[in-house]
Amino acid sequence: TTVLLATYCCIGASFIHVADAAEETPPKELSAGKLRSLGEVALSERKFPEAASFYRQAIQVEPTNAINYYKLYSVHKRTRSYSEALTAISTAVELNASKTDWRIQKAKLLVSLGRCDEAHGEYVAARTDAKDAKEAKATLDGAREANECAQRTESAMKAYQEEEWGNAVKY
């Protein structure tokens, strides 16, 4: 016996098949909020291309809503599309600079990409917007880690330029 499962999302008084909706241009009646909801359903089912499509459609409807970019960032991060993730989180932070946790996530991504100096700057900016002691500590710890990363990267580059291969590999 074969069982077929289809995922539908209720939008208003109608149900929309998630896979069908991801392939279509959004009808005029779908709001950015409804598109985000469809994206969340697709994301929960690990249908990452569909989720990204819904969030991109939400961005078309509301291009100045930072949450749309943040949601797109979360999909790209889960799929390890780090360049696209950085673009999305950068736009989200630009649109809503007061979200300290978003800045911290952007800084962590920058560190993982080896862009430690930029990450340090994000941590410093996040520190000024920290809302509580936990966020403040996270920004201080992150800034210290990013600074150490930048120093190691600089030392490795210097060793490489001087053809000190053992030291270059050490860092």
C-alpha atoms as a PDB file:
ATOM      1  CA  THR A   1       0.000   0.000   0.000  1.00  0.00           C
ATOM      2  CA  THR A   2       1.299   3.436  -0.909  1.00  0.00           C
ATOM      3  CA  VAL A   3       0.446   6.439   1.189  1.00  0.00           C
ATOM      4  CA  LEU A   4       0.845   9.885  -0.298  1.00  0.00           C
ATOM      5  CA  LEU A   5       1.201  12.788   2.051  1.00  0.00           C
ATOM      6  CA  ALA A   6       0.702  16.297   0.797  1.00  0.00           C
ATOM      7  CA  THR A   7       1.226  19.403   2.797  1.00  0.00           C
ATOM      8  CA  TYR A   8      -1.341  22.119   2.652  1.00  0.00           C
ATOM      9  CA  CYS A   9      -1.325  25.456   4.366  1.00  0.00           C
ATOM     10  CA  CYS A  10      -4.523  27.216   5.285  1.00  0.00           C
ATOM     11  CA  ILE A  11      -4.651  30.752   3.973  1.00  0.00           C
ATOM     12  CA  GLY A  12      -7.848  32.543   4.731  1.00  0.00           C
ATOM     13  CA  ALA A  13     -10.684  30.238   3.746  1.00  0.00           C
ATOM     14  CA  SER A  14      -8.637  28.180   1.293  1.00  0.00           C
ATOM     15  CA  PHE A  15      -5.907  25.597   1.450  1.00  0.00           C
ATOM     16  CA  ILE A  16      -2.827  25.910  -0.727  1.00  0.00           C
ATOM     17  CA  HIS A  17      -0.491  23.053  -1.536  1.00  0.00           C
ATOM     18  CA  VAL A  18       2.936  24.192  -0.341  1.00  0.00           C
ATOM     19  CA  ALA A  19       4.876  22.751  -3.297  1.00  0.00           C
ATOM     20  CA  ASP A  20       2.470  24.272  -5.828  1.00  0.00           C
ATOM     21  CA  ALA A  21       2.588  27.687  -4.186  1.00  0.00           C
ATOM     22  CA  ALA A  22       6.395  27.732  -4.148  1.00  0.00           C
ATOM     23  CA  GLU A  23       6.553  27.344  -7.915  1.00  0.00           C
ATOM     24  CA  GLU A  24       4.086  30.091  -8.741  1.00  0.00           C
ATOM     25  CA  THR A  25       4.335  33.829  -8.728  1.00  0.00           C
ATOM     26  CA  PRO A  26       2.451  34.889  -5.608  1.00  0.00           C
ATOM     27  CA  PRO A  27      -1.155  35.791  -6.287  1.00  0.00           C
ATOM     28  CA  LYS A  28      -2.065  39.350  -5.325  1.00  0.00           C
ATOM     29  CA  GLU A  29      -4.046  38.156  -2.291  1.00  0.00           C
ATOM     30  CA  LEU A  30      -1.029  36.543  -0.605  1.00  0.00           C
ATOM     31  CA  SER A  31       0.447  38.936   1.908  1.00  0.00           C
ATOM     32  CA  ALA A  32       4.048  38.850   3.043  1.00  0.00           C
ATOM     33  CA  GLY A  33       2.844  37.347   6.331  1.00  0.00           C
ATOM     34  CA  LYS A  34       1.090  34.532   4.519  1.00  0.00           C
ATOM     35  CA  LEU A  35       4.149  33.917   2.370  1.00  0.00           C
ATOM     36  CA  ARG A  36       6.284  33.773   5.530  1.00  0.00           C
ATOM     37  CA  SER A  37       3.840  31.237   6.968  1.00  0.00           C
ATOM     38  CA  LEU A  38       4.191  29.101   3.848  1.00  0.00           C
ATOM     39  CA  GLY A  39       7.959  29.450   4.166  1.00  0.00           C
ATOM     40  CA  GLU A  40       7.830  28.251   7.758  1.00  0.00           C
ATOM     41  CA  VAL A  41       5.791  25.207   6.751  1.00  0.00           C
ATOM     42  CA  ALA A  42       8.238  24.383   3.962  1.00  0.00           C
ATOM     43  CA  LEU A  43      11.185  24.930   6.309  1.00  0.00           C
ATOM     44  CA  SER A  44       9.685  22.643   8.953  1.00  0.00           C
ATOM     45  CA  GLU A  45       9.448  19.952   6.271  1.00  0.00           C
ATOM     46  CA  ARG A  46      13.052  20.560   5.238  1.00  0.00           C
ATOM     47  CA  LYS A  47      11.935  21.778   1.798  1.00  0.00           C
ATOM     48  CA  PHE A  48      14.621  24.417   1.708  1.00  0.00           C
ATOM     49  CA  PRO A  49      14.286  25.572  -1.918  1.00  0.00           C
ATOM     50  CA  GLU A  50      10.560  26.094  -1.440  1.00  0.00           C
ATOM     51  CA  ALA A  51      11.110  27.936   1.849  1.00  0.00           C
ATOM     52  CA  ALA A  52      13.676  30.235   0.230  1.00  0.00           C
ATOM     53  CA  SER A  53      11.253  30.875  -2.635  1.00  0.00           C
ATOM     54  CA  PHE A  54       8.482  31.922  -0.238  1.00  0.00           C
ATOM     55  CA  TYR A  55      10.792  34.247   1.668  1.00  0.00           C
ATOM     56  CA  ARG A  56      12.040  35.819  -1.587  1.00  0.00           C
ATOM     57  CA  GLN A  57       8.417  36.362  -2.601  1.00  0.00           C
ATOM     58  CA  ALA A  58       7.750  37.960   0.803  1.00  0.00           C
ATOM     59  CA  ILE A  59      10.709  40.266   0.154  1.00  0.00           C
ATOM     60  CA  GLN A  60       9.125  41.291  -3.164  1.00  0.00           C
ATOM     61  CA  VAL A  61       5.910  42.176  -1.330  1.00  0.00           C
ATOM     62  CA  GLU A  62       7.641  43.893   1.633  1.00  0.00           C
ATOM     63  CA  PRO A  63      11.203  44.811   0.630  1.00  0.00           C
ATOM     64  CA  THR A  64      11.799  46.939   3.725  1.00  0.00           C
ATOM     65  CA  ASN A  65      10.690  44.339   6.292  1.00  0.00           C
ATOM     66  CA  ALA A  66      13.835  43.024   7.985  1.00  0.00           C
ATOM     67  CA  ILE A  67      12.166  39.797   9.166  1.00  0.00           C
ATOM     68  CA  ASN A  68      11.806  38.627   5.550  1.00  0.00           C
ATOM     69  CA  TYR A  69      15.564  38.851   5.066  1.00  0.00           C
ATOM     70  CA  TYR A  70      16.238  37.234   8.435  1.00  0.00           C
ATOM     71  CA  LYS A  71      14.022  34.275   7.526  1.00  0.00           C
ATOM     72  CA  LEU A  72      15.821  33.938   4.183  1.00  0.00           C
ATOM     73  CA  TYR A  73      19.134  34.048   6.081  1.00  0.00           C
ATOM     74  CA  SER A  74      17.994  31.154   8.268  1.00  0.00           C
ATOM     75  CA  VAL A  75      17.274  28.994   5.207  1.00  0.00           C
ATOM     76  CA  HIS A  76      20.627  29.797   3.588  1.00  0.00           C
ATOM     77  CA  LYS A  77      22.463  29.129   6.828  1.00  0.00           C
ATOM     78  CA  ARG A  78      20.802  25.722   7.201  1.00  0.00           C
ATOM     79  CA  THR A  79      21.754  24.826   3.637  1.00  0.00           C
ATOM     80  CA  ARG A  80      25.292  26.122   4.184  1.00  0.00           C
ATOM     81  CA  SER A  81      24.927  28.732   1.468  1.00  0.00           C
ATOM     82  CA  TYR A  82      27.025  31.117   3.506  1.00  0.00           C
ATOM     83  CA  SER A  83      27.515  33.843   0.911  1.00  0.00           C
ATOM     84  CA  GLU A  84      23.750  34.131   0.387  1.00  0.00           C
ATOM     85  CA  ALA A  85      23.220  33.908   4.147  1.00  0.00           C
ATOM     86  CA  LEU A  86      25.608  36.811   4.696  1.00  0.00           C
ATOM     87  CA  THR A  87      23.835  38.922   2.088  1.00  0.00           C
ATOM     88  CA  ALA A  88      20.452  38.263   3.704  1.00  0.00           C
ATOM     89  CA  ILE A  89      21.543  38.839   7.325  1.00  0.00           C
ATOM     90  CA  SER A  90      23.433  41.992   6.293  1.00  0.00           C
ATOM     91  CA  THR A  91      20.265  43.422   4.771  1.00  0.00           C
ATOM     92  CA  ALA A  92      18.230  42.414   7.829  1.00  0.00           C
ATOM     93  CA  VAL A  93      20.706  44.168  10.135  1.00  0.00           C
ATOM     94  CA  GLU A  94      20.792  47.226   7.877  1.00  0.00           C
ATOM     95  CA  LEU A  95      17.001  47.475   8.005  1.00  0.00           C
ATOM     96  CA  ASN A  96      16.784  46.823  11.759  1.00  0.00           C
ATOM     97  CA  ALA A  97      20.083  47.681  13.417  1.00  0.00           C
ATOM     98  CA  SER A  98      18.646  47.395  16.932  1.00  0.00           C
ATOM     99  CA  LYS A  99      18.379  43.579  16.780  1.00  0.00           C
ATOM    100  CA  THR A 100      21.490  42.709  18.754  1.00  0.00           C
ATOM    101  CA  ASP A 101      21.031  38.964  18.313  1.00  0.00           C
ATOM    102  CA  TRP A 102      20.985  39.410  14.523  1.00  0.00           C
ATOM    103  CA  ARG A 103      24.235  41.375  14.666  1.00  0.00           C
ATOM    104  CA  ILE A 104      25.766  38.627  16.790  1.00  0.00           C
ATOM    105  CA  GLN A 105      24.672  35.986  14.277  1.00  0.00           C
ATOM    106  CA  LYS A 106      26.108  38.073  11.445  1.00  0.00           C
ATOM    107  CA  ALA A 107      29.384  38.422  13.343  1.00  0.00           C
ATOM    108  CA  LYS A 108      29.563  34.662  13.957  1.00  0.00           C
ATOM    109  CA  LEU A 109      29.021  34.027  10.263  1.00  0.00           C
ATOM    110  CA  LEU A 110      31.747  36.525   9.390  1.00  0.00           C
ATOM    111  CA  VAL A 111      34.172  34.724  11.740  1.00  0.00           C
ATOM    112  CA  SER A 112      33.341  31.381  10.142  1.00  0.00           C
ATOM    113  CA  LEU A 113      34.081  32.951   6.737  1.00  0.00           C
ATOM    114  CA  GLY A 114      37.441  34.250   8.005  1.00  0.00           C
ATOM    115  CA  ARG A 115      36.347  37.874   7.879  1.00  0.00           C
ATOM    116  CA  CYS A 116      37.368  38.463  11.470  1.00  0.00           C
ATOM    117  CA  ASP A 117      38.000  42.222  11.321  1.00  0.00           C
ATOM    118  CA  GLU A 118      34.470  42.784  10.025  1.00  0.00           C
ATOM    119  CA  ALA A 119      33.116  40.447  12.682  1.00  0.00           C
ATOM    120  CA  HIS A 120      34.869  42.432  15.391  1.00  0.00           C
ATOM    121  CA  GLY A 121      33.186  45.587  14.105  1.00  0.00           C
ATOM    122  CA  GLU A 122      29.774  43.890  14.245  1.00  0.00           C
ATOM    123  CA  TYR A 123      30.377  42.766  17.816  1.00  0.00           C
ATOM    124  CA  VAL A 124      31.372  46.286  18.826  1.00  0.00           C
ATOM    125  CA  ALA A 125      28.220  47.684  17.197  1.00  0.00           C
ATOM    126  CA  ALA A 126      26.111  45.004  18.895  1.00  0.00           C
ATOM    127  CA  ARG A 127      27.632  45.908  22.254  1.00  0.00           C
ATOM    128  CA  THR A 128      26.151  49.398  22.081  1.00  0.00           C
ATOM    129  CA  ASP A 129      22.672  47.931  21.501  1.00  0.00           C
ATOM    130  CA  ALA A 130      22.898  45.090  24.049  1.00  0.00           C
ATOM    131  CA  LYS A 131      19.665  44.948  26.033  1.00  0.00           C
ATOM    132  CA  ASP A 132      20.847  42.860  28.967  1.00  0.00           C
ATOM    133  CA  ALA A 133      23.908  41.370  30.632  1.00  0.00           C
ATOM    134  CA  LYS A 134      23.653  38.141  28.630  1.00  0.00           C
ATOM    135  CA  GLU A 135      23.774  39.999  25.296  1.00  0.00           C
ATOM    136  CA  ALA A 136      26.570  42.246  26.570  1.00  0.00           C
ATOM    137  CA  LYS A 137      28.644  39.206  27.579  1.00  0.00           C
ATOM    138  CA  ALA A 138      28.012  37.543  24.217  1.00  0.00           C
ATOM    139  CA  THR A 139      29.249  40.641  22.411  1.00  0.00           C
ATOM    140  CA  LEU A 140      32.367  40.917  24.592  1.00  0.00           C
ATOM    141  CA  ASP A 141      33.194  37.219  24.211  1.00  0.00           C
ATOM    142  CA  GLY A 142      32.565  37.397  20.485  1.00  0.00           C
ATOM    143  CA  ALA A 143      34.647  40.523  20.045  1.00  0.00           C
ATOM    144  CA  ARG A 144      37.537  38.871  21.870  1.00  0.00           C
ATOM    145  CA  GLU A 145      37.221  35.740  19.692  1.00  0.00           C
ATOM    146  CA  ALA A 146      37.026  37.833  16.503  1.00  0.00           C
ATOM    147  CA  ASN A 147      40.070  39.864  17.556  1.00  0.00           C
ATOM    148  CA  GLU A 148      42.061  36.674  18.252  1.00  0.00           C
ATOM    149  CA  CYS A 149      40.934  35.301  14.888  1.00  0.00           C
ATOM    150  CA  ALA A 150      42.079  38.470  13.138  1.00  0.00           C
ATOM    151  CA  GLN A 151      45.480  38.270  14.852  1.00  0.00           C
ATOM    152  CA  ARG A 152      45.903  34.590  13.902  1.00  0.00           C
ATOM    153  CA  THR A 153      44.914  35.335  10.318  1.00  0.00           C
ATOM    154  CA  GLU A 154      47.384  38.205  10.144  1.00  0.00           C
ATOM    155  CA  SER A 155      50.167  36.028  11.610  1.00  0.00           C
ATOM    156  CA  ALA A 156      49.400  33.239   9.142  1.00  0.00           C
ATOM    157  CA  MET A 157      49.437  35.653   6.208  1.00  0.00           C
ATOM    158  CA  LYS A 158      52.742  37.118   7.343  1.00  0.00           C
ATOM    159  CA  ALA A 159      54.279  33.648   7.725  1.00  0.00           C
ATOM    160  CA  TYR A 160      52.973  32.683   4.290  1.00  0.00           C
ATOM    161  CA  GLN A 161      54.435  35.801   2.674  1.00  0.00           C
ATOM    162  CA  GLU A 162      57.781  35.070   4.326  1.00  0.00           C
ATOM    163  CA  GLU A 163      57.517  31.427   3.182  1.00  0.00           C
ATOM    164  CA  GLU A 164      57.640  30.143   6.759  1.00  0.00           C
ATOM    165  CA  TRP A 165      55.369  27.222   5.946  1.00  0.00           C
ATOM    166  CA  GLY A 166      55.474  25.644   9.404  1.00  0.00           C
ATOM    167  CA  ASN A 167      54.278  28.844  11.034  1.00  0.00           C
ATOM    168  CA  ALA A 168      51.712  29.478   8.302  1.00  0.00           C
ATOM    169  CA  VAL A 169      50.131  26.063   8.946  1.00  0.00           C
ATOM    170  CA  LYS A 170      50.277  26.614  12.717  1.00  0.00           C
ATOM    171  CA  TYR A 171      47.776  29.426  12.491  1.00  0.00           C
END
